[in-house]
């Protein structure tokens, strides 16, 4: 059986580079598409990369069985839905992950070094997620700090030791994620929300969950997407009514759900993000206070200084002078 590298199969040496790159201008429903055509497989790789979440869907016909050599230096944290086909991973330390057709598994490997064996054609959906983002997500599902430490910081090979059958709920979410007809920015928000919902289904039935959230998976997915939106747009002139329309959630859920899940009001969180960015600009730039106020979403510099002092008990000008000195 032939053994190949990631570069030989996909043209990229690193998995993160492969999934994050958008060298192709061929887009459909929010996904960039990479055509794969070599002596081993024929098919397509659909990719979506948005900060803390990366979604990939591969659909390919196997031309001959092969082994893929993998050596990822960065941690791999993902859920793999083997919709059709079969995936068998063997590490250099003789640990195994086998995901048969119509099964999924959550995988957490600090350093992926080994071989993947493929003997048949495949349809597979992978959802990669940033570790800290996953921590925040699991906290909304009732996981305690103790559980997170046990399952991630102790370097368990994988969260679940065996693959599970893909449920009907998961099949429906996968279908919605892959077959939607949305375009442009809304398509991206939709993909991200469905990916979060799928991730939640993986953990919602776990015995490690200490309590059930009173918010639905859809609501949680929307509010996590909203939080990411606020991280990027805190400097804009934001209003509750605009956010409710944009994210399709009512004002009650937005106000109460956001505070339940993240421990702060929407505008309290926005203010913290503004001040966090302001601190960065105070330390790392020579911009005037009024310029920093404008860039972080404050109309007037005196209002910015007042809010800054209320939060940190020090004026921004004094804070800058202390850091510089």
C-alpha atoms as a PDB file:
ATOM      1  CA  UNK A   1       0.000   0.000   0.000  1.00  0.00           C
ATOM      2  CA  UNK A   2       1.366   3.378  -1.019  1.00  0.00           C
ATOM      3  CA  UNK A   3       2.212   5.931   1.702  1.00  0.00           C
ATOM      4  CA  UNK A   4       1.942   9.642   0.905  1.00  0.00           C
ATOM      5  CA  UNK A   5       2.360  12.951   2.734  1.00  0.00           C
ATOM      6  CA  UNK A   6      -0.205  15.690   3.157  1.00  0.00           C
ATOM      7  CA  UNK A   7       1.612  17.772   0.555  1.00  0.00           C
ATOM      8  CA  UNK A   8       1.566  14.934  -1.974  1.00  0.00           C
ATOM      9  CA  UNK A   9      -2.171  14.419  -1.465  1.00  0.00           C
ATOM     10  CA  UNK A  10      -3.422  18.006  -1.096  1.00  0.00           C
ATOM     11  CA  UNK A  11      -0.524  20.252  -2.121  1.00  0.00           C
ATOM     12  CA  UNK A  12      -0.017  21.715   1.382  1.00  0.00           C
ATOM     13  CA  UNK A  13       2.504  20.661   4.031  1.00  0.00           C
ATOM     14  CA  UNK A  14       0.454  21.710   7.080  1.00  0.00           C
ATOM     15  CA  UNK A  15      -3.195  20.904   7.843  1.00  0.00           C
ATOM     16  CA  UNK A  16      -3.877  24.374   9.268  1.00  0.00           C
ATOM     17  CA  UNK A  17      -2.517  25.968   6.085  1.00  0.00           C
ATOM     18  CA  UNK A  18      -4.624  23.678   3.925  1.00  0.00           C
ATOM     19  CA  UNK A  19      -7.863  24.447   5.760  1.00  0.00           C
ATOM     20  CA  UNK A  20      -7.285  28.175   6.265  1.00  0.00           C
ATOM     21  CA  UNK A  21      -6.056  28.927   2.748  1.00  0.00           C
ATOM     22  CA  UNK A  22      -8.443  30.299   0.144  1.00  0.00           C
ATOM     23  CA  UNK A  23      -6.303  30.027  -2.963  1.00  0.00           C
ATOM     24  CA  UNK A  24      -9.366  29.004  -4.938  1.00  0.00           C
ATOM     25  CA  UNK A  25     -11.820  31.679  -6.096  1.00  0.00           C
ATOM     26  CA  UNK A  26     -14.487  29.007  -6.482  1.00  0.00           C
ATOM     27  CA  UNK A  27     -17.058  29.587  -3.743  1.00  0.00           C
ATOM     28  CA  UNK A  28     -20.450  28.040  -3.054  1.00  0.00           C
ATOM     29  CA  UNK A  29     -22.784  28.720  -0.129  1.00  0.00           C
ATOM     30  CA  UNK A  30     -20.012  30.161   2.028  1.00  0.00           C
ATOM     31  CA  UNK A  31     -17.496  27.370   1.301  1.00  0.00           C
ATOM     32  CA  UNK A  32     -14.343  27.649  -0.763  1.00  0.00           C
ATOM     33  CA  UNK A  33     -13.833  24.585  -2.965  1.00  0.00           C
ATOM     34  CA  UNK A  34     -10.606  22.755  -3.737  1.00  0.00           C
ATOM     35  CA  UNK A  35     -10.659  20.094  -6.445  1.00  0.00           C
ATOM     36  CA  UNK A  36      -8.535  17.007  -5.729  1.00  0.00           C
ATOM     37  CA  UNK A  37      -7.427  14.875  -8.653  1.00  0.00           C
ATOM     38  CA  UNK A  38      -4.480  12.510  -8.404  1.00  0.00           C
ATOM     39  CA  UNK A  39      -3.632   8.818  -8.708  1.00  0.00           C
ATOM     40  CA  UNK A  40      -5.205   8.050  -5.312  1.00  0.00           C
ATOM     41  CA  UNK A  41      -8.453  10.025  -5.124  1.00  0.00           C
ATOM     42  CA  UNK A  42     -10.806  12.174  -7.149  1.00  0.00           C
ATOM     43  CA  UNK A  43     -13.121  14.600  -5.432  1.00  0.00           C
ATOM     44  CA  UNK A  44     -13.570  17.930  -3.689  1.00  0.00           C
ATOM     45  CA  UNK A  45     -12.673  19.583  -0.420  1.00  0.00           C
ATOM     46  CA  UNK A  46     -15.131  22.213   0.842  1.00  0.00           C
ATOM     47  CA  UNK A  47     -13.605  24.611   3.368  1.00  0.00           C
ATOM     48  CA  UNK A  48     -14.887  27.276   5.730  1.00  0.00           C
ATOM     49  CA  UNK A  49     -12.520  29.098   8.083  1.00  0.00           C
ATOM     50  CA  UNK A  50     -13.726  31.763  10.507  1.00  0.00           C
ATOM     51  CA  UNK A  51     -11.335  32.488  13.343  1.00  0.00           C
ATOM     52  CA  UNK A  52     -11.969  29.917  16.073  1.00  0.00           C
ATOM     53  CA  UNK A  53     -13.931  27.448  13.934  1.00  0.00           C
ATOM     54  CA  UNK A  54     -12.945  25.621  10.753  1.00  0.00           C
ATOM     55  CA  UNK A  55     -15.367  23.390   8.865  1.00  0.00           C
ATOM     56  CA  UNK A  56     -14.266  21.019   6.101  1.00  0.00           C
ATOM     57  CA  UNK A  57     -16.262  18.546   4.057  1.00  0.00           C
ATOM     58  CA  UNK A  58     -14.529  16.016   1.827  1.00  0.00           C
ATOM     59  CA  UNK A  59     -16.257  13.933  -0.768  1.00  0.00           C
ATOM     60  CA  UNK A  60     -13.951  11.761  -2.808  1.00  0.00           C
ATOM     61  CA  UNK A  61     -13.766   8.570  -4.816  1.00  0.00           C
ATOM     62  CA  UNK A  62     -10.924   6.233  -3.895  1.00  0.00           C
ATOM     63  CA  UNK A  63      -8.848   5.090  -6.874  1.00  0.00           C
ATOM     64  CA  UNK A  64      -6.487   2.916  -4.837  1.00  0.00           C
ATOM     65  CA  UNK A  65      -5.998   2.236  -1.091  1.00  0.00           C
ATOM     66  CA  UNK A  66      -3.281   4.320   0.564  1.00  0.00           C
ATOM     67  CA  UNK A  67      -1.781   5.466   3.857  1.00  0.00           C
ATOM     68  CA  UNK A  68      -1.468   9.149   4.730  1.00  0.00           C
ATOM     69  CA  UNK A  69       1.473  10.128   6.898  1.00  0.00           C
ATOM     70  CA  UNK A  70       0.493  12.856   9.366  1.00  0.00           C
ATOM     71  CA  UNK A  71       2.661  14.914  11.692  1.00  0.00           C
ATOM     72  CA  UNK A  72       0.791  17.954  13.031  1.00  0.00           C
ATOM     73  CA  UNK A  73       2.847  19.949  15.499  1.00  0.00           C
ATOM     74  CA  UNK A  74      -0.150  21.910  16.779  1.00  0.00           C
ATOM     75  CA  UNK A  75      -2.933  20.319  18.896  1.00  0.00           C
ATOM     76  CA  UNK A  76      -5.787  18.760  16.960  1.00  0.00           C
ATOM     77  CA  UNK A  77      -9.204  19.406  18.485  1.00  0.00           C
ATOM     78  CA  UNK A  78     -12.093  18.410  16.263  1.00  0.00           C
ATOM     79  CA  UNK A  79     -15.235  16.380  15.755  1.00  0.00           C
ATOM     80  CA  UNK A  80     -15.103  14.003  12.809  1.00  0.00           C
ATOM     81  CA  UNK A  81     -18.354  12.823  11.237  1.00  0.00           C
ATOM     82  CA  UNK A  82     -17.557   9.853   8.982  1.00  0.00           C
ATOM     83  CA  UNK A  83     -20.764  10.055   6.944  1.00  0.00           C
ATOM     84  CA  UNK A  84     -19.661   7.398   4.464  1.00  0.00           C
ATOM     85  CA  UNK A  85     -16.419   5.449   4.345  1.00  0.00           C
ATOM     86  CA  UNK A  86     -13.943   4.465   7.025  1.00  0.00           C
ATOM     87  CA  UNK A  87     -11.083   6.167   8.863  1.00  0.00           C
ATOM     88  CA  UNK A  88      -8.324   4.371  10.779  1.00  0.00           C
ATOM     89  CA  UNK A  89      -5.535   6.253  12.550  1.00  0.00           C
ATOM     90  CA  UNK A  90      -2.530   4.613  14.215  1.00  0.00           C
ATOM     91  CA  UNK A  91      -0.051   6.732  16.135  1.00  0.00           C
ATOM     92  CA  UNK A  92       3.666   6.047  16.393  1.00  0.00           C
ATOM     93  CA  UNK A  93       2.994   5.016  20.000  1.00  0.00           C
ATOM     94  CA  UNK A  94       0.474   2.357  18.863  1.00  0.00           C
ATOM     95  CA  UNK A  95      -2.707   4.184  19.882  1.00  0.00           C
ATOM     96  CA  UNK A  96      -5.702   3.866  17.578  1.00  0.00           C
ATOM     97  CA  UNK A  97      -8.731   5.853  16.486  1.00  0.00           C
ATOM     98  CA  UNK A  98     -11.159   3.962  14.259  1.00  0.00           C
ATOM     99  CA  UNK A  99     -14.227   5.767  12.917  1.00  0.00           C
ATOM    100  CA  UNK A 100     -16.443   3.530  10.748  1.00  0.00           C
ATOM    101  CA  UNK A 101     -19.137   4.688   8.351  1.00  0.00           C
ATOM    102  CA  UNK A 102     -22.081   6.597   9.935  1.00  0.00           C
ATOM    103  CA  UNK A 103     -20.087   7.276  13.124  1.00  0.00           C
ATOM    104  CA  UNK A 104     -18.527  10.334  14.721  1.00  0.00           C
ATOM    105  CA  UNK A 105     -15.848  10.952  17.299  1.00  0.00           C
ATOM    106  CA  UNK A 106     -14.475  13.915  19.204  1.00  0.00           C
ATOM    107  CA  UNK A 107     -10.683  13.948  18.967  1.00  0.00           C
ATOM    108  CA  UNK A 108      -8.189  15.803  21.140  1.00  0.00           C
ATOM    109  CA  UNK A 109      -4.558  15.017  20.321  1.00  0.00           C
ATOM    110  CA  UNK A 110      -1.743  17.320  21.513  1.00  0.00           C
ATOM    111  CA  UNK A 111       0.603  16.113  18.765  1.00  0.00           C
ATOM    112  CA  UNK A 112      -0.696  14.046  15.850  1.00  0.00           C
ATOM    113  CA  UNK A 113       2.053  11.771  14.600  1.00  0.00           C
ATOM    114  CA  UNK A 114       1.219   8.573  12.753  1.00  0.00           C
ATOM    115  CA  UNK A 115      -0.640   7.172   9.754  1.00  0.00           C
ATOM    116  CA  UNK A 116      -4.206   7.251   8.438  1.00  0.00           C
ATOM    117  CA  UNK A 117      -5.314   4.280   6.353  1.00  0.00           C
ATOM    118  CA  UNK A 118      -7.999   4.621   3.670  1.00  0.00           C
ATOM    119  CA  UNK A 119      -9.535   1.628   1.912  1.00  0.00           C
ATOM    120  CA  UNK A 120     -12.749   3.075   0.436  1.00  0.00           C
ATOM    121  CA  UNK A 121     -14.398   6.208  -0.908  1.00  0.00           C
ATOM    122  CA  UNK A 122     -15.506   8.748   1.698  1.00  0.00           C
ATOM    123  CA  UNK A 123     -17.825  11.557   2.720  1.00  0.00           C
ATOM    124  CA  UNK A 124     -16.525  13.167   5.912  1.00  0.00           C
ATOM    125  CA  UNK A 125     -17.304  16.354   7.807  1.00  0.00           C
ATOM    126  CA  UNK A 126     -14.707  17.764  10.207  1.00  0.00           C
ATOM    127  CA  UNK A 127     -15.290  20.624  12.627  1.00  0.00           C
ATOM    128  CA  UNK A 128     -12.043  21.998  14.078  1.00  0.00           C
ATOM    129  CA  UNK A 129     -12.332  24.334  17.046  1.00  0.00           C
ATOM    130  CA  UNK A 130      -9.958  26.520  19.045  1.00  0.00           C
ATOM    131  CA  UNK A 131      -9.296  25.163  22.527  1.00  0.00           C
ATOM    132  CA  UNK A 132     -10.279  28.277  24.483  1.00  0.00           C
ATOM    133  CA  UNK A 133     -13.363  28.715  22.352  1.00  0.00           C
ATOM    134  CA  UNK A 134     -14.332  25.116  23.114  1.00  0.00           C
ATOM    135  CA  UNK A 135     -13.818  25.752  26.842  1.00  0.00           C
ATOM    136  CA  UNK A 136     -16.224  28.695  26.664  1.00  0.00           C
ATOM    137  CA  UNK A 137     -18.724  26.598  24.731  1.00  0.00           C
ATOM    138  CA  UNK A 138     -18.584  23.711  27.212  1.00  0.00           C
ATOM    139  CA  UNK A 139     -19.078  26.050  30.149  1.00  0.00           C
ATOM    140  CA  UNK A 140     -22.418  27.015  28.616  1.00  0.00           C
ATOM    141  CA  UNK A 141     -23.275  23.292  28.683  1.00  0.00           C
ATOM    142  CA  UNK A 142     -22.656  22.898  32.412  1.00  0.00           C
ATOM    143  CA  UNK A 143     -19.072  21.628  32.383  1.00  0.00           C
ATOM    144  CA  UNK A 144     -17.112  22.615  35.451  1.00  0.00           C
ATOM    145  CA  UNK A 145     -13.511  23.804  35.534  1.00  0.00           C
ATOM    146  CA  UNK A 146     -12.615  20.415  37.039  1.00  0.00           C
ATOM    147  CA  UNK A 147     -14.034  18.535  34.056  1.00  0.00           C
ATOM    148  CA  UNK A 148     -12.193  20.767  31.612  1.00  0.00           C
ATOM    149  CA  UNK A 149      -8.906  20.244  33.428  1.00  0.00           C
ATOM    150  CA  UNK A 150      -9.414  16.489  33.528  1.00  0.00           C
ATOM    151  CA  UNK A 151     -10.279  16.093  29.877  1.00  0.00           C
ATOM    152  CA  UNK A 152      -8.008  18.613  28.195  1.00  0.00           C
ATOM    153  CA  UNK A 153      -5.081  19.679  30.356  1.00  0.00           C
ATOM    154  CA  UNK A 154      -4.210  16.099  31.341  1.00  0.00           C
ATOM    155  CA  UNK A 155      -3.594  15.395  27.646  1.00  0.00           C
ATOM    156  CA  UNK A 156      -6.075  12.571  27.212  1.00  0.00           C
ATOM    157  CA  UNK A 157      -5.598  10.996  23.823  1.00  0.00           C
ATOM    158  CA  UNK A 158      -9.208  11.624  22.926  1.00  0.00           C
ATOM    159  CA  UNK A 159     -12.247  12.785  24.875  1.00  0.00           C
ATOM    160  CA  UNK A 160     -14.244   9.720  23.903  1.00  0.00           C
ATOM    161  CA  UNK A 161     -12.472   6.394  23.483  1.00  0.00           C
ATOM    162  CA  UNK A 162     -14.878   4.993  20.901  1.00  0.00           C
ATOM    163  CA  UNK A 163     -16.828   6.352  17.958  1.00  0.00           C
ATOM    164  CA  UNK A 164     -20.588   6.861  18.298  1.00  0.00           C
ATOM    165  CA  UNK A 165     -23.362   6.447  15.744  1.00  0.00           C
ATOM    166  CA  UNK A 166     -24.410   9.694  14.061  1.00  0.00           C
ATOM    167  CA  UNK A 167     -27.860  10.532  15.451  1.00  0.00           C
ATOM    168  CA  UNK A 168     -30.890  11.640  13.451  1.00  0.00           C
ATOM    169  CA  UNK A 169     -30.574  15.115  14.967  1.00  0.00           C
ATOM    170  CA  UNK A 170     -26.956  15.297  13.838  1.00  0.00           C
ATOM    171  CA  UNK A 171     -27.851  14.055  10.349  1.00  0.00           C
ATOM    172  CA  UNK A 172     -30.414  16.836  10.059  1.00  0.00           C
ATOM    173  CA  UNK A 173     -27.899  19.475  11.173  1.00  0.00           C
ATOM    174  CA  UNK A 174     -25.264  18.120   8.772  1.00  0.00           C
ATOM    175  CA  UNK A 175     -27.765  18.265   5.917  1.00  0.00           C
ATOM    176  CA  UNK A 176     -28.686  21.856   6.801  1.00  0.00           C
ATOM    177  CA  UNK A 177     -25.040  22.869   7.036  1.00  0.00           C
ATOM    178  CA  UNK A 178     -24.042  21.355   3.691  1.00  0.00           C
ATOM    179  CA  UNK A 179     -27.183  21.885   1.614  1.00  0.00           C
ATOM    180  CA  UNK A 180     -28.216  25.432   2.542  1.00  0.00           C
ATOM    181  CA  UNK A 181     -28.637  27.990  -0.236  1.00  0.00           C
ATOM    182  CA  UNK A 182     -27.530  31.138   1.599  1.00  0.00           C
ATOM    183  CA  UNK A 183     -24.806  33.349   0.175  1.00  0.00           C
ATOM    184  CA  UNK A 184     -22.293  35.956   1.267  1.00  0.00           C
ATOM    185  CA  UNK A 185     -22.049  37.039   4.932  1.00  0.00           C
ATOM    186  CA  UNK A 186     -25.284  35.334   6.003  1.00  0.00           C
ATOM    187  CA  UNK A 187     -23.963  32.019   4.660  1.00  0.00           C
ATOM    188  CA  UNK A 188     -20.897  32.360   6.887  1.00  0.00           C
ATOM    189  CA  UNK A 189     -22.992  33.078   9.964  1.00  0.00           C
ATOM    190  CA  UNK A 190     -25.261  30.138   9.134  1.00  0.00           C
ATOM    191  CA  UNK A 191     -22.356  27.695   8.716  1.00  0.00           C
ATOM    192  CA  UNK A 192     -20.775  28.847  11.965  1.00  0.00           C
ATOM    193  CA  UNK A 193     -24.062  28.504  13.882  1.00  0.00           C
ATOM    194  CA  UNK A 194     -24.757  25.002  12.537  1.00  0.00           C
ATOM    195  CA  UNK A 195     -21.187  23.929  13.300  1.00  0.00           C
ATOM    196  CA  UNK A 196     -21.616  25.086  16.903  1.00  0.00           C
ATOM    197  CA  UNK A 197     -24.949  23.260  17.168  1.00  0.00           C
ATOM    198  CA  UNK A 198     -23.286  20.072  15.944  1.00  0.00           C
ATOM    199  CA  UNK A 199     -20.458  20.488  18.429  1.00  0.00           C
ATOM    200  CA  UNK A 200     -22.973  20.918  21.238  1.00  0.00           C
ATOM    201  CA  UNK A 201     -24.763  17.670  20.292  1.00  0.00           C
ATOM    202  CA  UNK A 202     -21.483  15.821  20.828  1.00  0.00           C
ATOM    203  CA  UNK A 203     -21.292  16.900  24.458  1.00  0.00           C
ATOM    204  CA  UNK A 204     -24.915  17.416  25.446  1.00  0.00           C
ATOM    205  CA  UNK A 205     -25.437  13.761  26.353  1.00  0.00           C
ATOM    206  CA  UNK A 206     -22.179  13.297  28.208  1.00  0.00           C
ATOM    207  CA  UNK A 207     -22.288  12.095  31.813  1.00  0.00           C
ATOM    208  CA  UNK A 208     -19.694  14.743  32.649  1.00  0.00           C
ATOM    209  CA  UNK A 209     -22.248  17.519  32.226  1.00  0.00           C
ATOM    210  CA  UNK A 210     -23.236  18.810  35.635  1.00  0.00           C
ATOM    211  CA  UNK A 211     -26.387  20.596  34.600  1.00  0.00           C
ATOM    212  CA  UNK A 212     -28.587  21.277  31.611  1.00  0.00           C
ATOM    213  CA  UNK A 213     -28.696  24.704  30.045  1.00  0.00           C
ATOM    214  CA  UNK A 214     -32.138  26.303  29.951  1.00  0.00           C
ATOM    215  CA  UNK A 215     -31.359  27.635  26.474  1.00  0.00           C
ATOM    216  CA  UNK A 216     -31.805  25.573  23.320  1.00  0.00           C
ATOM    217  CA  UNK A 217     -28.860  24.479  21.189  1.00  0.00           C
ATOM    218  CA  UNK A 218     -29.994  26.871  18.458  1.00  0.00           C
ATOM    219  CA  UNK A 219     -30.156  29.806  20.900  1.00  0.00           C
ATOM    220  CA  UNK A 220     -26.717  28.995  22.295  1.00  0.00           C
ATOM    221  CA  UNK A 221     -25.252  28.713  18.812  1.00  0.00           C
ATOM    222  CA  UNK A 222     -26.700  32.085  17.831  1.00  0.00           C
ATOM    223  CA  UNK A 223     -25.432  33.798  20.980  1.00  0.00           C
ATOM    224  CA  UNK A 224     -21.925  32.374  20.591  1.00  0.00           C
ATOM    225  CA  UNK A 225     -21.914  33.599  16.988  1.00  0.00           C
ATOM    226  CA  UNK A 226     -23.183  36.966  18.221  1.00  0.00           C
ATOM    227  CA  UNK A 227     -20.377  37.125  20.791  1.00  0.00           C
ATOM    228  CA  UNK A 228     -17.813  36.548  18.035  1.00  0.00           C
ATOM    229  CA  UNK A 229     -19.484  39.281  16.004  1.00  0.00           C
ATOM    230  CA  UNK A 230     -19.187  41.694  18.942  1.00  0.00           C
ATOM    231  CA  UNK A 231     -15.496  40.816  19.283  1.00  0.00           C
ATOM    232  CA  UNK A 232     -14.951  42.129  15.754  1.00  0.00           C
ATOM    233  CA  UNK A 233     -17.464  45.004  15.691  1.00  0.00           C
ATOM    234  CA  UNK A 234     -17.487  46.450  19.232  1.00  0.00           C
ATOM    235  CA  UNK A 235     -16.382  49.832  17.864  1.00  0.00           C
ATOM    236  CA  UNK A 236     -19.514  50.153  15.709  1.00  0.00           C
ATOM    237  CA  UNK A 237     -22.720  51.923  16.716  1.00  0.00           C
ATOM    238  CA  UNK A 238     -24.631  48.837  17.893  1.00  0.00           C
ATOM    239  CA  UNK A 239     -28.277  48.625  18.996  1.00  0.00           C
ATOM    240  CA  UNK A 240     -30.283  45.768  20.491  1.00  0.00           C
ATOM    241  CA  UNK A 241     -33.019  45.968  17.860  1.00  0.00           C
ATOM    242  CA  UNK A 242     -30.468  45.813  15.060  1.00  0.00           C
ATOM    243  CA  UNK A 243     -28.748  42.801  16.635  1.00  0.00           C
ATOM    244  CA  UNK A 244     -32.048  40.953  17.180  1.00  0.00           C
ATOM    245  CA  UNK A 245     -32.964  41.399  13.519  1.00  0.00           C
ATOM    246  CA  UNK A 246     -29.511  40.485  12.271  1.00  0.00           C
ATOM    247  CA  UNK A 247     -29.234  37.283  14.303  1.00  0.00           C
ATOM    248  CA  UNK A 248     -32.897  36.257  14.330  1.00  0.00           C
ATOM    249  CA  UNK A 249     -33.345  36.197  18.104  1.00  0.00           C
ATOM    250  CA  UNK A 250     -35.824  38.090  20.260  1.00  0.00           C
ATOM    251  CA  UNK A 251     -34.764  40.786  22.715  1.00  0.00           C
ATOM    252  CA  UNK A 252     -35.614  38.742  25.814  1.00  0.00           C
ATOM    253  CA  UNK A 253     -33.367  35.873  24.762  1.00  0.00           C
ATOM    254  CA  UNK A 254     -30.647  38.268  23.684  1.00  0.00           C
ATOM    255  CA  UNK A 255     -30.598  40.102  27.018  1.00  0.00           C
ATOM    256  CA  UNK A 256     -31.094  37.176  29.380  1.00  0.00           C
ATOM    257  CA  UNK A 257     -29.427  34.413  27.397  1.00  0.00           C
ATOM    258  CA  UNK A 258     -26.261  36.404  26.761  1.00  0.00           C
ATOM    259  CA  UNK A 259     -25.920  37.264  30.444  1.00  0.00           C
ATOM    260  CA  UNK A 260     -26.611  33.663  31.542  1.00  0.00           C
ATOM    261  CA  UNK A 261     -24.041  32.235  29.145  1.00  0.00           C
ATOM    262  CA  UNK A 262     -21.276  34.830  29.362  1.00  0.00           C
ATOM    263  CA  UNK A 263     -21.819  36.484  32.726  1.00  0.00           C
ATOM    264  CA  UNK A 264     -22.335  40.000  31.375  1.00  0.00           C
ATOM    265  CA  UNK A 265     -24.915  42.071  29.514  1.00  0.00           C
ATOM    266  CA  UNK A 266     -24.489  42.646  25.798  1.00  0.00           C
ATOM    267  CA  UNK A 267     -23.437  46.255  26.271  1.00  0.00           C
ATOM    268  CA  UNK A 268     -21.372  45.453  29.328  1.00  0.00           C
ATOM    269  CA  UNK A 269     -19.430  43.006  27.171  1.00  0.00           C
ATOM    270  CA  UNK A 270     -19.109  45.556  24.363  1.00  0.00           C
ATOM    271  CA  UNK A 271     -17.709  48.104  26.802  1.00  0.00           C
ATOM    272  CA  UNK A 272     -15.117  45.619  28.074  1.00  0.00           C
ATOM    273  CA  UNK A 273     -14.010  44.882  24.521  1.00  0.00           C
ATOM    274  CA  UNK A 274     -13.690  48.600  23.804  1.00  0.00           C
ATOM    275  CA  UNK A 275     -11.569  49.174  26.896  1.00  0.00           C
ATOM    276  CA  UNK A 276      -9.453  46.098  26.232  1.00  0.00           C
ATOM    277  CA  UNK A 277      -8.629  47.407  22.755  1.00  0.00           C
ATOM    278  CA  UNK A 278      -8.027  50.878  24.155  1.00  0.00           C
ATOM    279  CA  UNK A 279      -5.419  49.497  26.565  1.00  0.00           C
ATOM    280  CA  UNK A 280      -3.610  47.821  23.679  1.00  0.00           C
ATOM    281  CA  UNK A 281      -3.544  51.079  21.717  1.00  0.00           C
ATOM    282  CA  UNK A 282      -2.382  53.073  24.727  1.00  0.00           C
ATOM    283  CA  UNK A 283       0.604  50.769  25.218  1.00  0.00           C
ATOM    284  CA  UNK A 284       1.577  49.910  21.659  1.00  0.00           C
ATOM    285  CA  UNK A 285       0.848  53.091  19.688  1.00  0.00           C
ATOM    286  CA  UNK A 286       1.527  56.827  19.872  1.00  0.00           C
ATOM    287  CA  UNK A 287      -2.039  57.740  18.973  1.00  0.00           C
ATOM    288  CA  UNK A 288      -3.612  60.626  20.834  1.00  0.00           C
ATOM    289  CA  UNK A 289      -6.288  59.861  23.433  1.00  0.00           C
ATOM    290  CA  UNK A 290      -9.012  61.337  21.235  1.00  0.00           C
ATOM    291  CA  UNK A 291      -7.938  59.106  18.333  1.00  0.00           C
ATOM    292  CA  UNK A 292      -8.029  56.011  20.535  1.00  0.00           C
ATOM    293  CA  UNK A 293     -11.459  57.028  21.801  1.00  0.00           C
ATOM    294  CA  UNK A 294     -12.725  57.307  18.220  1.00  0.00           C
ATOM    295  CA  UNK A 295     -11.192  53.993  17.085  1.00  0.00           C
ATOM    296  CA  UNK A 296     -12.749  52.113  19.996  1.00  0.00           C
ATOM    297  CA  UNK A 297     -16.238  53.479  19.465  1.00  0.00           C
ATOM    298  CA  UNK A 298     -16.429  56.477  21.813  1.00  0.00           C
ATOM    299  CA  UNK A 299     -17.781  59.696  20.330  1.00  0.00           C
ATOM    300  CA  UNK A 300     -15.997  61.991  22.785  1.00  0.00           C
ATOM    301  CA  UNK A 301     -12.595  61.659  24.431  1.00  0.00           C
ATOM    302  CA  UNK A 302     -13.847  62.971  27.782  1.00  0.00           C
ATOM    303  CA  UNK A 303     -16.531  60.258  27.867  1.00  0.00           C
ATOM    304  CA  UNK A 304     -13.889  57.643  27.036  1.00  0.00           C
ATOM    305  CA  UNK A 305     -11.659  58.886  29.868  1.00  0.00           C
ATOM    306  CA  UNK A 306     -14.581  58.793  32.301  1.00  0.00           C
ATOM    307  CA  UNK A 307     -15.557  55.218  31.397  1.00  0.00           C
ATOM    308  CA  UNK A 308     -11.913  54.129  31.470  1.00  0.00           C
ATOM    309  CA  UNK A 309     -11.437  55.616  34.947  1.00  0.00           C
ATOM    310  CA  UNK A 310     -14.639  53.998  36.245  1.00  0.00           C
ATOM    311  CA  UNK A 311     -13.362  50.612  35.132  1.00  0.00           C
ATOM    312  CA  UNK A 312      -9.638  50.771  35.949  1.00  0.00           C
ATOM    313  CA  UNK A 313      -9.505  53.564  38.580  1.00  0.00           C
ATOM    314  CA  UNK A 314      -6.864  55.365  36.554  1.00  0.00           C
ATOM    315  CA  UNK A 315      -7.022  57.864  33.692  1.00  0.00           C
ATOM    316  CA  UNK A 316      -5.884  56.556  30.283  1.00  0.00           C
ATOM    317  CA  UNK A 317      -3.195  59.252  30.018  1.00  0.00           C
ATOM    318  CA  UNK A 318      -1.770  58.290  33.429  1.00  0.00           C
ATOM    319  CA  UNK A 319      -1.924  54.599  32.547  1.00  0.00           C
ATOM    320  CA  UNK A 320       0.049  55.226  29.332  1.00  0.00           C
ATOM    321  CA  UNK A 321       2.702  57.289  31.126  1.00  0.00           C
ATOM    322  CA  UNK A 322       3.168  54.562  33.748  1.00  0.00           C
ATOM    323  CA  UNK A 323       3.567  51.850  31.108  1.00  0.00           C
ATOM    324  CA  UNK A 324       5.975  53.906  29.016  1.00  0.00           C
ATOM    325  CA  UNK A 325       8.113  54.830  31.998  1.00  0.00           C
END
